[in-house]
C-alpha cells in the first residue's frame, strides 16, 4: 500500500527548534539552555524528528555531538523554516497593534550614551506599550543582526551603502577637536581642516565607524599617513588619553558635554565652516513589516532632538 504525501507525518516546530539548537551548539546541554528546555526534552525532540524524517541527523559519542551528512543538509532547511515562522509571527504582531510588543533596537557605542536618554524618554512618554530592547554593538555586528532578524531597527552613522537596508535620516552633527590644556589649538574657533595634517590624533580601535570617519576627515585634509599611535576601545578612554597629554582626538558634538566633563585638563576647538560632520539615522530592512511604525518613530525623534547640538533633518535628506 502506498501512503500519500498528504498523510505523511510532519515534524513539529519544537522538534525543528531542538535540532537547530543542537546543530548550532553541537552540545546538548548548551543547546537546551539556549532554547530554555531540559536536556532530556531536547534529546527526545531530536530523536522524534529523526523518526519522523526517517534519517539519522546526529552522530552521538560519549564526548561530543556531530552532525551526520544528512544532518548538515537538513540543518540549513530547519533554520530557514524557523526564520520563515519568525517572520510570520512578526507580521502578525505588526498588524495587531502599532507600537506594541518587542522592538529590538541596535545602537553603535558612539551614539548610545548620548542619544539613548532622548530615545528612551520619547518611547516612555509616547509609546508606553512598546517593549524597547537595546543592543549596543559595532556597525558590522548590528548589520548582521538586522539581516538575520535578531534586530529590528538600528541607530547608527550613515551612509551604509548596504543593499536591502533603508536609511531614515535623523540629524547631522559636527566634529569637535579635543586637546590637552597646553595645546596650541585648544579653545580655538575656525580651525582649518589642514591643521589635522600636523596633529598626533588618537583614534578608536578597529571596527568603530567613528574611527573610519576620522580617517576620512584626515584624508580630506590632505593627510595620507594613518595618524595612529594609540587607540582606545571607547570614547571615555580616548578622552582620558588626551587629558594625559598623549595627543588630540575628534568627538561628535553630542558626546562633547558628557566626555569632556570627566577631566579639567581638556580644551575643545571648533573647525571652520563647513566643519567635518557625521550623519545619524535609523536603518531598517527593506520591506520590513513595521516600516510605517519606524518611519513614525523617526518623525517623533526628530521632534525631540531640539535640546541636542545637532542639525535635524527632514525625511528626504
C-alpha atoms as a PDB file:
ATOM      1  CA  UNK A   1       0.000   0.000   0.000  1.00  0.00           C
ATOM      2  CA  UNK A   2       1.298   3.484  -0.922  1.00  0.00           C
ATOM      3  CA  UNK A   3       0.916   6.271   1.633  1.00  0.00           C
ATOM      4  CA  UNK A   4       0.034   9.605   0.047  1.00  0.00           C
ATOM      5  CA  UNK A   5       2.247  12.583   0.780  1.00  0.00           C
ATOM      6  CA  UNK A   6      -0.725  14.378   2.272  1.00  0.00           C
ATOM      7  CA  UNK A   7      -0.857  11.863   5.131  1.00  0.00           C
ATOM      8  CA  UNK A   8       2.885  11.811   5.793  1.00  0.00           C
ATOM      9  CA  UNK A   9       3.859  12.719   9.341  1.00  0.00           C
ATOM     10  CA  UNK A  10       5.058  16.289   9.735  1.00  0.00           C
ATOM     11  CA  UNK A  11       7.837  17.470  12.077  1.00  0.00           C
ATOM     12  CA  UNK A  12       6.775  19.927  14.770  1.00  0.00           C
ATOM     13  CA  UNK A  13       8.284  23.349  15.296  1.00  0.00           C
ATOM     14  CA  UNK A  14       9.524  22.215  18.708  1.00  0.00           C
ATOM     15  CA  UNK A  15      11.427  19.373  17.052  1.00  0.00           C
ATOM     16  CA  UNK A  16      12.944  21.718  14.476  1.00  0.00           C
ATOM     17  CA  UNK A  17      13.971  24.238  17.164  1.00  0.00           C
ATOM     18  CA  UNK A  18      15.615  21.481  19.168  1.00  0.00           C
ATOM     19  CA  UNK A  19      17.542  20.167  16.161  1.00  0.00           C
ATOM     20  CA  UNK A  20      18.570  23.672  15.030  1.00  0.00           C
ATOM     21  CA  UNK A  21      19.901  24.430  18.532  1.00  0.00           C
ATOM     22  CA  UNK A  22      21.946  21.220  18.619  1.00  0.00           C
ATOM     23  CA  UNK A  23      23.240  21.899  15.100  1.00  0.00           C
ATOM     24  CA  UNK A  24      24.405  25.353  16.221  1.00  0.00           C
ATOM     25  CA  UNK A  25      25.970  24.404  19.574  1.00  0.00           C
ATOM     26  CA  UNK A  26      26.946  20.747  18.955  1.00  0.00           C
ATOM     27  CA  UNK A  27      26.340  20.221  22.649  1.00  0.00           C
ATOM     28  CA  UNK A  28      23.080  19.041  24.242  1.00  0.00           C
ATOM     29  CA  UNK A  29      23.424  20.995  27.472  1.00  0.00           C
ATOM     30  CA  UNK A  30      24.282  24.279  25.738  1.00  0.00           C
ATOM     31  CA  UNK A  31      21.548  23.756  23.147  1.00  0.00           C
ATOM     32  CA  UNK A  32      18.953  23.049  25.838  1.00  0.00           C
ATOM     33  CA  UNK A  33      19.944  26.216  27.722  1.00  0.00           C
ATOM     34  CA  UNK A  34      19.763  28.267  24.515  1.00  0.00           C
ATOM     35  CA  UNK A  35      16.118  27.395  23.867  1.00  0.00           C
ATOM     36  CA  UNK A  36      15.038  27.163  27.514  1.00  0.00           C
ATOM     37  CA  UNK A  37      14.265  23.476  27.788  1.00  0.00           C
ATOM     38  CA  UNK A  38      15.644  20.467  29.641  1.00  0.00           C
ATOM     39  CA  UNK A  39      18.339  18.254  28.183  1.00  0.00           C
ATOM     40  CA  UNK A  40      16.126  15.110  28.185  1.00  0.00           C
ATOM     41  CA  UNK A  41      13.312  17.007  26.439  1.00  0.00           C
ATOM     42  CA  UNK A  42      15.747  18.304  23.842  1.00  0.00           C
ATOM     43  CA  UNK A  43      17.187  14.864  23.176  1.00  0.00           C
ATOM     44  CA  UNK A  44      13.702  13.389  22.907  1.00  0.00           C
ATOM     45  CA  UNK A  45      12.624  16.056  20.419  1.00  0.00           C
ATOM     46  CA  UNK A  46      15.632  15.396  18.191  1.00  0.00           C
ATOM     47  CA  UNK A  47      15.056  11.619  18.337  1.00  0.00           C
ATOM     48  CA  UNK A  48      11.398  12.159  17.437  1.00  0.00           C
ATOM     49  CA  UNK A  49      12.450  14.315  14.471  1.00  0.00           C
ATOM     50  CA  UNK A  50      14.833  11.607  13.266  1.00  0.00           C
ATOM     51  CA  UNK A  51      11.991   9.049  13.473  1.00  0.00           C
ATOM     52  CA  UNK A  52       9.596  11.379  11.631  1.00  0.00           C
ATOM     53  CA  UNK A  53      12.064  12.095   8.837  1.00  0.00           C
ATOM     54  CA  UNK A  54      13.475   8.572   8.684  1.00  0.00           C
ATOM     55  CA  UNK A  55      17.099   9.760   8.743  1.00  0.00           C
ATOM     56  CA  UNK A  56      19.895   9.962  11.303  1.00  0.00           C
ATOM     57  CA  UNK A  57      20.698  13.599  11.981  1.00  0.00           C
ATOM     58  CA  UNK A  58      23.370  13.293  14.679  1.00  0.00           C
ATOM     59  CA  UNK A  59      26.363  11.154  15.446  1.00  0.00           C
ATOM     60  CA  UNK A  60      26.448  10.799  19.220  1.00  0.00           C
ATOM     61  CA  UNK A  61      29.623   9.881  21.112  1.00  0.00           C
ATOM     62  CA  UNK A  62      30.470   9.983  24.803  1.00  0.00           C
ATOM     63  CA  UNK A  63      32.420  13.219  24.349  1.00  0.00           C
ATOM     64  CA  UNK A  64      30.735  15.249  21.652  1.00  0.00           C
ATOM     65  CA  UNK A  65      27.893  15.560  19.166  1.00  0.00           C
ATOM     66  CA  UNK A  66      28.465  15.724  15.416  1.00  0.00           C
ATOM     67  CA  UNK A  67      26.071  16.314  12.532  1.00  0.00           C
ATOM     68  CA  UNK A  68      25.685  13.426  10.129  1.00  0.00           C
ATOM     69  CA  UNK A  69      25.890  14.234   6.405  1.00  0.00           C
ATOM     70  CA  UNK A  70      22.077  14.253   6.333  1.00  0.00           C
ATOM     71  CA  UNK A  71      22.054  16.438   9.442  1.00  0.00           C
ATOM     72  CA  UNK A  72      24.317  19.017   7.825  1.00  0.00           C
ATOM     73  CA  UNK A  73      21.977  19.324   4.845  1.00  0.00           C
ATOM     74  CA  UNK A  74      18.765  19.396   6.844  1.00  0.00           C
ATOM     75  CA  UNK A  75      20.084  21.858   9.438  1.00  0.00           C
ATOM     76  CA  UNK A  76      20.073  24.537   6.735  1.00  0.00           C
ATOM     77  CA  UNK A  77      16.445  23.713   5.871  1.00  0.00           C
ATOM     78  CA  UNK A  78      15.402  23.698   9.521  1.00  0.00           C
ATOM     79  CA  UNK A  79      16.929  27.128  10.084  1.00  0.00           C
ATOM     80  CA  UNK A  80      15.136  28.506   7.014  1.00  0.00           C
ATOM     81  CA  UNK A  81      11.783  27.131   8.225  1.00  0.00           C
ATOM     82  CA  UNK A  82      12.235  28.668  11.679  1.00  0.00           C
ATOM     83  CA  UNK A  83      13.210  32.039  10.189  1.00  0.00           C
ATOM     84  CA  UNK A  84      10.110  31.955   7.990  1.00  0.00           C
ATOM     85  CA  UNK A  85       7.911  31.196  11.010  1.00  0.00           C
ATOM     86  CA  UNK A  86       9.568  34.063  12.900  1.00  0.00           C
ATOM     87  CA  UNK A  87       8.781  36.425  10.020  1.00  0.00           C
ATOM     88  CA  UNK A  88       5.164  35.242  10.016  1.00  0.00           C
ATOM     89  CA  UNK A  89       4.846  35.947  13.746  1.00  0.00           C
ATOM     90  CA  UNK A  90       6.454  39.379  13.309  1.00  0.00           C
ATOM     91  CA  UNK A  91       3.983  40.217  10.580  1.00  0.00           C
ATOM     92  CA  UNK A  92       1.044  39.108  12.739  1.00  0.00           C
ATOM     93  CA  UNK A  93       2.317  41.176  15.675  1.00  0.00           C
ATOM     94  CA  UNK A  94       2.714  44.231  13.483  1.00  0.00           C
ATOM     95  CA  UNK A  95      -0.845  44.138  12.164  1.00  0.00           C
ATOM     96  CA  UNK A  96      -2.417  43.597  15.579  1.00  0.00           C
ATOM     97  CA  UNK A  97      -1.475  46.972  17.006  1.00  0.00           C
ATOM     98  CA  UNK A  98       1.238  49.529  16.239  1.00  0.00           C
ATOM     99  CA  UNK A  99       3.866  50.340  18.852  1.00  0.00           C
ATOM    100  CA  UNK A 100       3.160  47.270  20.963  1.00  0.00           C
ATOM    101  CA  UNK A 101       5.234  44.165  21.558  1.00  0.00           C
ATOM    102  CA  UNK A 102       9.018  43.985  21.345  1.00  0.00           C
ATOM    103  CA  UNK A 103      11.236  46.364  19.349  1.00  0.00           C
ATOM    104  CA  UNK A 104      14.890  45.276  19.302  1.00  0.00           C
ATOM    105  CA  UNK A 105      16.953  48.420  18.700  1.00  0.00           C
ATOM    106  CA  UNK A 106      20.652  48.176  17.850  1.00  0.00           C
ATOM    107  CA  UNK A 107      22.828  51.226  18.598  1.00  0.00           C
ATOM    108  CA  UNK A 108      26.526  51.940  17.963  1.00  0.00           C
ATOM    109  CA  UNK A 109      28.666  52.786  21.031  1.00  0.00           C
ATOM    110  CA  UNK A 110      29.470  56.323  19.829  1.00  0.00           C
ATOM    111  CA  UNK A 111      25.764  57.200  19.718  1.00  0.00           C
ATOM    112  CA  UNK A 112      24.232  55.147  22.538  1.00  0.00           C
ATOM    113  CA  UNK A 113      25.292  57.118  25.665  1.00  0.00           C
ATOM    114  CA  UNK A 114      24.392  60.496  24.176  1.00  0.00           C
ATOM    115  CA  UNK A 115      21.162  59.841  22.265  1.00  0.00           C
ATOM    116  CA  UNK A 116      19.550  56.995  24.203  1.00  0.00           C
ATOM    117  CA  UNK A 117      18.245  59.234  27.025  1.00  0.00           C
ATOM    118  CA  UNK A 118      16.214  61.144  24.415  1.00  0.00           C
ATOM    119  CA  UNK A 119      15.041  57.935  22.719  1.00  0.00           C
ATOM    120  CA  UNK A 120      14.053  56.226  25.969  1.00  0.00           C
ATOM    121  CA  UNK A 121      12.170  59.277  27.239  1.00  0.00           C
ATOM    122  CA  UNK A 122      10.305  59.532  23.936  1.00  0.00           C
ATOM    123  CA  UNK A 123       9.302  55.860  23.970  1.00  0.00           C
ATOM    124  CA  UNK A 124       8.277  56.009  27.628  1.00  0.00           C
ATOM    125  CA  UNK A 125       6.086  59.061  27.135  1.00  0.00           C
ATOM    126  CA  UNK A 126       4.581  58.397  23.699  1.00  0.00           C
ATOM    127  CA  UNK A 127       4.664  54.611  23.261  1.00  0.00           C
ATOM    128  CA  UNK A 128       4.199  53.097  26.742  1.00  0.00           C
ATOM    129  CA  UNK A 129       3.083  49.719  25.349  1.00  0.00           C
ATOM    130  CA  UNK A 130       6.277  49.277  23.335  1.00  0.00           C
ATOM    131  CA  UNK A 131       8.851  46.900  24.853  1.00  0.00           C
ATOM    132  CA  UNK A 132      12.090  48.538  23.687  1.00  0.00           C
ATOM    133  CA  UNK A 133      15.144  46.282  23.986  1.00  0.00           C
ATOM    134  CA  UNK A 134      18.507  47.973  23.331  1.00  0.00           C
ATOM    135  CA  UNK A 135      21.620  46.242  21.984  1.00  0.00           C
ATOM    136  CA  UNK A 136      24.894  48.213  21.836  1.00  0.00           C
ATOM    137  CA  UNK A 137      27.237  46.785  19.178  1.00  0.00           C
ATOM    138  CA  UNK A 138      29.591  47.910  16.436  1.00  0.00           C
ATOM    139  CA  UNK A 139      28.212  48.576  12.963  1.00  0.00           C
ATOM    140  CA  UNK A 140      29.171  45.257  11.330  1.00  0.00           C
ATOM    141  CA  UNK A 141      27.541  43.265  14.130  1.00  0.00           C
ATOM    142  CA  UNK A 142      24.415  45.428  14.010  1.00  0.00           C
ATOM    143  CA  UNK A 143      24.027  44.891  10.265  1.00  0.00           C
ATOM    144  CA  UNK A 144      24.443  41.137  10.700  1.00  0.00           C
ATOM    145  CA  UNK A 145      21.750  41.242  13.372  1.00  0.00           C
ATOM    146  CA  UNK A 146      19.423  43.248  11.135  1.00  0.00           C
ATOM    147  CA  UNK A 147      19.841  40.862   8.193  1.00  0.00           C
ATOM    148  CA  UNK A 148      19.371  37.748  10.362  1.00  0.00           C
ATOM    149  CA  UNK A 149      16.275  39.126  12.095  1.00  0.00           C
ATOM    150  CA  UNK A 150      17.956  39.294  15.514  1.00  0.00           C
ATOM    151  CA  UNK A 151      17.472  43.088  15.470  1.00  0.00           C
ATOM    152  CA  UNK A 152      14.544  45.121  14.123  1.00  0.00           C
ATOM    153  CA  UNK A 153      15.879  48.673  13.844  1.00  0.00           C
ATOM    154  CA  UNK A 154      19.328  50.278  14.011  1.00  0.00           C
ATOM    155  CA  UNK A 155      20.508  53.700  15.193  1.00  0.00           C
ATOM    156  CA  UNK A 156      23.910  54.448  13.693  1.00  0.00           C
ATOM    157  CA  UNK A 157      26.084  56.614  11.481  1.00  0.00           C
ATOM    158  CA  UNK A 158      25.360  56.570   7.741  1.00  0.00           C
ATOM    159  CA  UNK A 159      25.653  56.235   4.805  1.00  0.00           C
ATOM    160  CA  UNK A 160      25.894  52.453   4.909  1.00  0.00           C
ATOM    161  CA  UNK A 161      25.535  51.617   1.224  1.00  0.00           C
ATOM    162  CA  UNK A 162      24.166  48.161   2.072  1.00  0.00           C
ATOM    163  CA  UNK A 163      21.623  46.532  -0.281  1.00  0.00           C
ATOM    164  CA  UNK A 164      18.307  45.724   1.346  1.00  0.00           C
ATOM    165  CA  UNK A 165      18.726  48.349   4.092  1.00  0.00           C
ATOM    166  CA  UNK A 166      16.664  51.554   4.151  1.00  0.00           C
ATOM    167  CA  UNK A 167      18.047  54.606   5.981  1.00  0.00           C
ATOM    168  CA  UNK A 168      15.795  57.121   7.765  1.00  0.00           C
ATOM    169  CA  UNK A 169      17.982  60.219   8.340  1.00  0.00           C
ATOM    170  CA  UNK A 170      17.677  61.932  11.721  1.00  0.00           C
ATOM    171  CA  UNK A 171      20.389  64.583  12.116  1.00  0.00           C
ATOM    172  CA  UNK A 172      23.845  65.837  11.180  1.00  0.00           C
ATOM    173  CA  UNK A 173      26.374  66.823  13.845  1.00  0.00           C
ATOM    174  CA  UNK A 174      29.800  68.465  13.679  1.00  0.00           C
ATOM    175  CA  UNK A 175      33.041  67.003  14.947  1.00  0.00           C
ATOM    176  CA  UNK A 176      34.981  68.986  17.551  1.00  0.00           C
ATOM    177  CA  UNK A 177      38.694  68.884  18.282  1.00  0.00           C
ATOM    178  CA  UNK A 178      39.616  67.894  21.855  1.00  0.00           C
ATOM    179  CA  UNK A 179      43.113  68.818  23.056  1.00  0.00           C
ATOM    180  CA  UNK A 180      45.203  68.936  26.237  1.00  0.00           C
ATOM    181  CA  UNK A 181      45.239  72.264  28.104  1.00  0.00           C
ATOM    182  CA  UNK A 182      48.602  73.370  26.735  1.00  0.00           C
ATOM    183  CA  UNK A 183      47.893  72.588  23.077  1.00  0.00           C
ATOM    184  CA  UNK A 184      48.175  75.476  20.610  1.00  0.00           C
ATOM    185  CA  UNK A 185      44.760  74.669  19.065  1.00  0.00           C
ATOM    186  CA  UNK A 186      42.972  74.318  22.399  1.00  0.00           C
ATOM    187  CA  UNK A 187      39.878  76.524  22.660  1.00  0.00           C
ATOM    188  CA  UNK A 188      40.243  77.984  19.171  1.00  0.00           C
ATOM    189  CA  UNK A 189      37.395  78.715  16.757  1.00  0.00           C
ATOM    190  CA  UNK A 190      37.607  78.406  12.993  1.00  0.00           C
ATOM    191  CA  UNK A 191      40.346  75.763  12.951  1.00  0.00           C
ATOM    192  CA  UNK A 192      41.223  74.875   9.335  1.00  0.00           C
ATOM    193  CA  UNK A 193      40.958  71.189   8.459  1.00  0.00           C
ATOM    194  CA  UNK A 194      44.540  71.317   7.188  1.00  0.00           C
ATOM    195  CA  UNK A 195      45.682  71.543  10.811  1.00  0.00           C
ATOM    196  CA  UNK A 196      44.868  67.836  11.129  1.00  0.00           C
ATOM    197  CA  UNK A 197      47.892  67.070   8.971  1.00  0.00           C
ATOM    198  CA  UNK A 198      50.213  68.026  11.837  1.00  0.00           C
ATOM    199  CA  UNK A 199      48.366  66.524  14.814  1.00  0.00           C
ATOM    200  CA  UNK A 200      49.075  63.395  16.813  1.00  0.00           C
ATOM    201  CA  UNK A 201      45.498  62.148  16.547  1.00  0.00           C
ATOM    202  CA  UNK A 202      44.208  59.424  18.868  1.00  0.00           C
ATOM    203  CA  UNK A 203      41.510  57.124  17.466  1.00  0.00           C
ATOM    204  CA  UNK A 204      39.148  54.337  18.472  1.00  0.00           C
ATOM    205  CA  UNK A 205      40.017  50.693  17.820  1.00  0.00           C
ATOM    206  CA  UNK A 206      39.377  48.944  14.514  1.00  0.00           C
ATOM    207  CA  UNK A 207      35.693  48.227  13.887  1.00  0.00           C
ATOM    208  CA  UNK A 208      34.314  51.531  15.149  1.00  0.00           C
ATOM    209  CA  UNK A 209      32.753  53.589  12.364  1.00  0.00           C
ATOM    210  CA  UNK A 210      33.892  56.764  14.150  1.00  0.00           C
ATOM    211  CA  UNK A 211      37.495  55.687  13.555  1.00  0.00           C
ATOM    212  CA  UNK A 212      36.814  55.329   9.827  1.00  0.00           C
ATOM    213  CA  UNK A 213      35.114  58.731   9.745  1.00  0.00           C
ATOM    214  CA  UNK A 214      38.089  60.365  11.468  1.00  0.00           C
ATOM    215  CA  UNK A 215      40.476  58.782   8.965  1.00  0.00           C
ATOM    216  CA  UNK A 216      38.301  60.023   6.098  1.00  0.00           C
ATOM    217  CA  UNK A 217      38.419  63.558   7.530  1.00  0.00           C
ATOM    218  CA  UNK A 218      42.211  63.347   7.743  1.00  0.00           C
ATOM    219  CA  UNK A 219      42.448  62.209   4.120  1.00  0.00           C
ATOM    220  CA  UNK A 220      40.177  65.069   3.052  1.00  0.00           C
ATOM    221  CA  UNK A 221      42.531  67.424   4.892  1.00  0.00           C
ATOM    222  CA  UNK A 222      45.431  66.099   2.814  1.00  0.00           C
ATOM    223  CA  UNK A 223      46.929  63.692   5.338  1.00  0.00           C
ATOM    224  CA  UNK A 224      47.971  60.444   3.684  1.00  0.00           C
ATOM    225  CA  UNK A 225      49.557  58.559   6.570  1.00  0.00           C
ATOM    226  CA  UNK A 226      47.400  56.945   9.258  1.00  0.00           C
ATOM    227  CA  UNK A 227      47.681  59.195  12.372  1.00  0.00           C
ATOM    228  CA  UNK A 228      47.505  56.254  14.770  1.00  0.00           C
ATOM    229  CA  UNK A 229      49.965  55.687  17.576  1.00  0.00           C
ATOM    230  CA  UNK A 230      47.488  54.895  20.356  1.00  0.00           C
ATOM    231  CA  UNK A 231      43.923  53.584  20.150  1.00  0.00           C
ATOM    232  CA  UNK A 232      41.115  53.046  22.666  1.00  0.00           C
ATOM    233  CA  UNK A 233      38.037  50.854  22.952  1.00  0.00           C
ATOM    234  CA  UNK A 234      35.698  53.719  23.843  1.00  0.00           C
ATOM    235  CA  UNK A 235      35.376  57.497  23.798  1.00  0.00           C
ATOM    236  CA  UNK A 236      35.778  57.830  27.574  1.00  0.00           C
ATOM    237  CA  UNK A 237      39.211  56.198  27.467  1.00  0.00           C
ATOM    238  CA  UNK A 238      40.138  58.212  24.393  1.00  0.00           C
ATOM    239  CA  UNK A 239      39.393  61.482  26.176  1.00  0.00           C
ATOM    240  CA  UNK A 240      41.437  60.449  29.207  1.00  0.00           C
ATOM    241  CA  UNK A 241      44.400  59.749  26.931  1.00  0.00           C
ATOM    242  CA  UNK A 242      44.045  63.278  25.561  1.00  0.00           C
ATOM    243  CA  UNK A 243      43.870  64.686  29.090  1.00  0.00           C
ATOM    244  CA  UNK A 244      47.099  62.844  29.838  1.00  0.00           C
ATOM    245  CA  UNK A 245      48.854  64.671  27.023  1.00  0.00           C
ATOM    246  CA  UNK A 246      49.196  61.781  24.550  1.00  0.00           C
ATOM    247  CA  UNK A 247      47.570  63.642  21.673  1.00  0.00           C
ATOM    248  CA  UNK A 248      44.298  65.082  20.373  1.00  0.00           C
ATOM    249  CA  UNK A 249      41.068  63.477  19.193  1.00  0.00           C
ATOM    250  CA  UNK A 250      37.820  64.199  17.369  1.00  0.00           C
ATOM    251  CA  UNK A 251      34.485  63.923  19.179  1.00  0.00           C
ATOM    252  CA  UNK A 252      30.974  64.186  17.743  1.00  0.00           C
ATOM    253  CA  UNK A 253      29.285  67.210  19.247  1.00  0.00           C
ATOM    254  CA  UNK A 254      26.625  65.158  21.092  1.00  0.00           C
ATOM    255  CA  UNK A 255      29.408  63.434  23.059  1.00  0.00           C
ATOM    256  CA  UNK A 256      31.292  66.607  23.969  1.00  0.00           C
ATOM    257  CA  UNK A 257      29.470  67.643  27.154  1.00  0.00           C
ATOM    258  CA  UNK A 258      29.470  64.172  28.709  1.00  0.00           C
ATOM    259  CA  UNK A 259      33.031  63.190  27.849  1.00  0.00           C
ATOM    260  CA  UNK A 260      34.885  66.446  28.489  1.00  0.00           C
ATOM    261  CA  UNK A 261      33.198  66.800  31.895  1.00  0.00           C
ATOM    262  CA  UNK A 262      35.315  63.853  33.063  1.00  0.00           C
ATOM    263  CA  UNK A 263      38.526  65.928  33.210  1.00  0.00           C
ATOM    264  CA  UNK A 264      39.617  69.517  33.840  1.00  0.00           C
ATOM    265  CA  UNK A 265      42.700  69.001  31.657  1.00  0.00           C
ATOM    266  CA  UNK A 266      40.927  69.428  28.316  1.00  0.00           C
ATOM    267  CA  UNK A 267      40.090  72.149  25.835  1.00  0.00           C
ATOM    268  CA  UNK A 268      37.846  71.968  22.779  1.00  0.00           C
ATOM    269  CA  UNK A 269      38.151  73.653  19.427  1.00  0.00           C
ATOM    270  CA  UNK A 270      35.715  74.209  16.571  1.00  0.00           C
ATOM    271  CA  UNK A 271      36.548  73.792  12.894  1.00  0.00           C
ATOM    272  CA  UNK A 272      35.966  76.407  10.231  1.00  0.00           C
ATOM    273  CA  UNK A 273      32.810  76.019   8.150  1.00  0.00           C
ATOM    274  CA  UNK A 274      31.964  73.684   6.614  1.00  0.00           C
ATOM    275  CA  UNK A 275      33.016  71.687   9.655  1.00  0.00           C
ATOM    276  CA  UNK A 276      33.603  67.935   9.339  1.00  0.00           C
ATOM    277  CA  UNK A 277      30.431  66.146  10.400  1.00  0.00           C
ATOM    278  CA  UNK A 278      28.594  62.851  10.522  1.00  0.00           C
ATOM    279  CA  UNK A 279      25.006  61.838   9.811  1.00  0.00           C
ATOM    280  CA  UNK A 280      22.996  59.641  12.188  1.00  0.00           C
ATOM    281  CA  UNK A 281      19.932  57.702  11.059  1.00  0.00           C
ATOM    282  CA  UNK A 282      17.631  54.805  11.732  1.00  0.00           C
ATOM    283  CA  UNK A 283      18.177  51.814   9.450  1.00  0.00           C
ATOM    284  CA  UNK A 284      15.644  49.064   8.756  1.00  0.00           C
ATOM    285  CA  UNK A 285      15.235  46.117   6.423  1.00  0.00           C
ATOM    286  CA  UNK A 286      13.657  46.996   3.078  1.00  0.00           C
ATOM    287  CA  UNK A 287      10.068  45.776   3.189  1.00  0.00           C
ATOM    288  CA  UNK A 288      10.018  45.461   6.989  1.00  0.00           C
ATOM    289  CA  UNK A 289       6.575  44.598   8.298  1.00  0.00           C
ATOM    290  CA  UNK A 290       6.701  47.511  10.742  1.00  0.00           C
ATOM    291  CA  UNK A 291       8.190  50.057   8.323  1.00  0.00           C
ATOM    292  CA  UNK A 292       5.367  52.565   8.904  1.00  0.00           C
ATOM    293  CA  UNK A 293       5.996  52.445  12.661  1.00  0.00           C
ATOM    294  CA  UNK A 294       9.728  53.003  12.221  1.00  0.00           C
ATOM    295  CA  UNK A 295       9.070  55.981   9.949  1.00  0.00           C
ATOM    296  CA  UNK A 296       6.668  57.448  12.519  1.00  0.00           C
ATOM    297  CA  UNK A 297       9.235  56.869  15.268  1.00  0.00           C
ATOM    298  CA  UNK A 298      11.833  58.729  13.175  1.00  0.00           C
ATOM    299  CA  UNK A 299       9.465  61.708  12.807  1.00  0.00           C
ATOM    300  CA  UNK A 300       8.829  61.738  16.556  1.00  0.00           C
ATOM    301  CA  UNK A 301      12.526  61.511  17.395  1.00  0.00           C
ATOM    302  CA  UNK A 302      13.405  64.385  15.057  1.00  0.00           C
ATOM    303  CA  UNK A 303      10.929  66.476  17.013  1.00  0.00           C
ATOM    304  CA  UNK A 304      12.560  65.500  20.312  1.00  0.00           C
ATOM    305  CA  UNK A 305      16.110  66.479  19.301  1.00  0.00           C
ATOM    306  CA  UNK A 306      15.753  70.229  19.895  1.00  0.00           C
ATOM    307  CA  UNK A 307      17.835  70.157  23.081  1.00  0.00           C
ATOM    308  CA  UNK A 308      20.828  68.496  21.389  1.00  0.00           C
ATOM    309  CA  UNK A 309      23.589  70.316  19.453  1.00  0.00           C
ATOM    310  CA  UNK A 310      22.610  68.802  16.090  1.00  0.00           C
ATOM    311  CA  UNK A 311      21.032  69.824  12.773  1.00  0.00           C
ATOM    312  CA  UNK A 312      17.742  67.948  12.498  1.00  0.00           C
ATOM    313  CA  UNK A 313      16.999  66.581   9.024  1.00  0.00           C
ATOM    314  CA  UNK A 314      13.804  66.054   7.102  1.00  0.00           C
ATOM    315  CA  UNK A 315      12.785  62.595   5.879  1.00  0.00           C
ATOM    316  CA  UNK A 316      14.085  63.309   2.366  1.00  0.00           C
ATOM    317  CA  UNK A 317      17.560  64.462   3.412  1.00  0.00           C
END
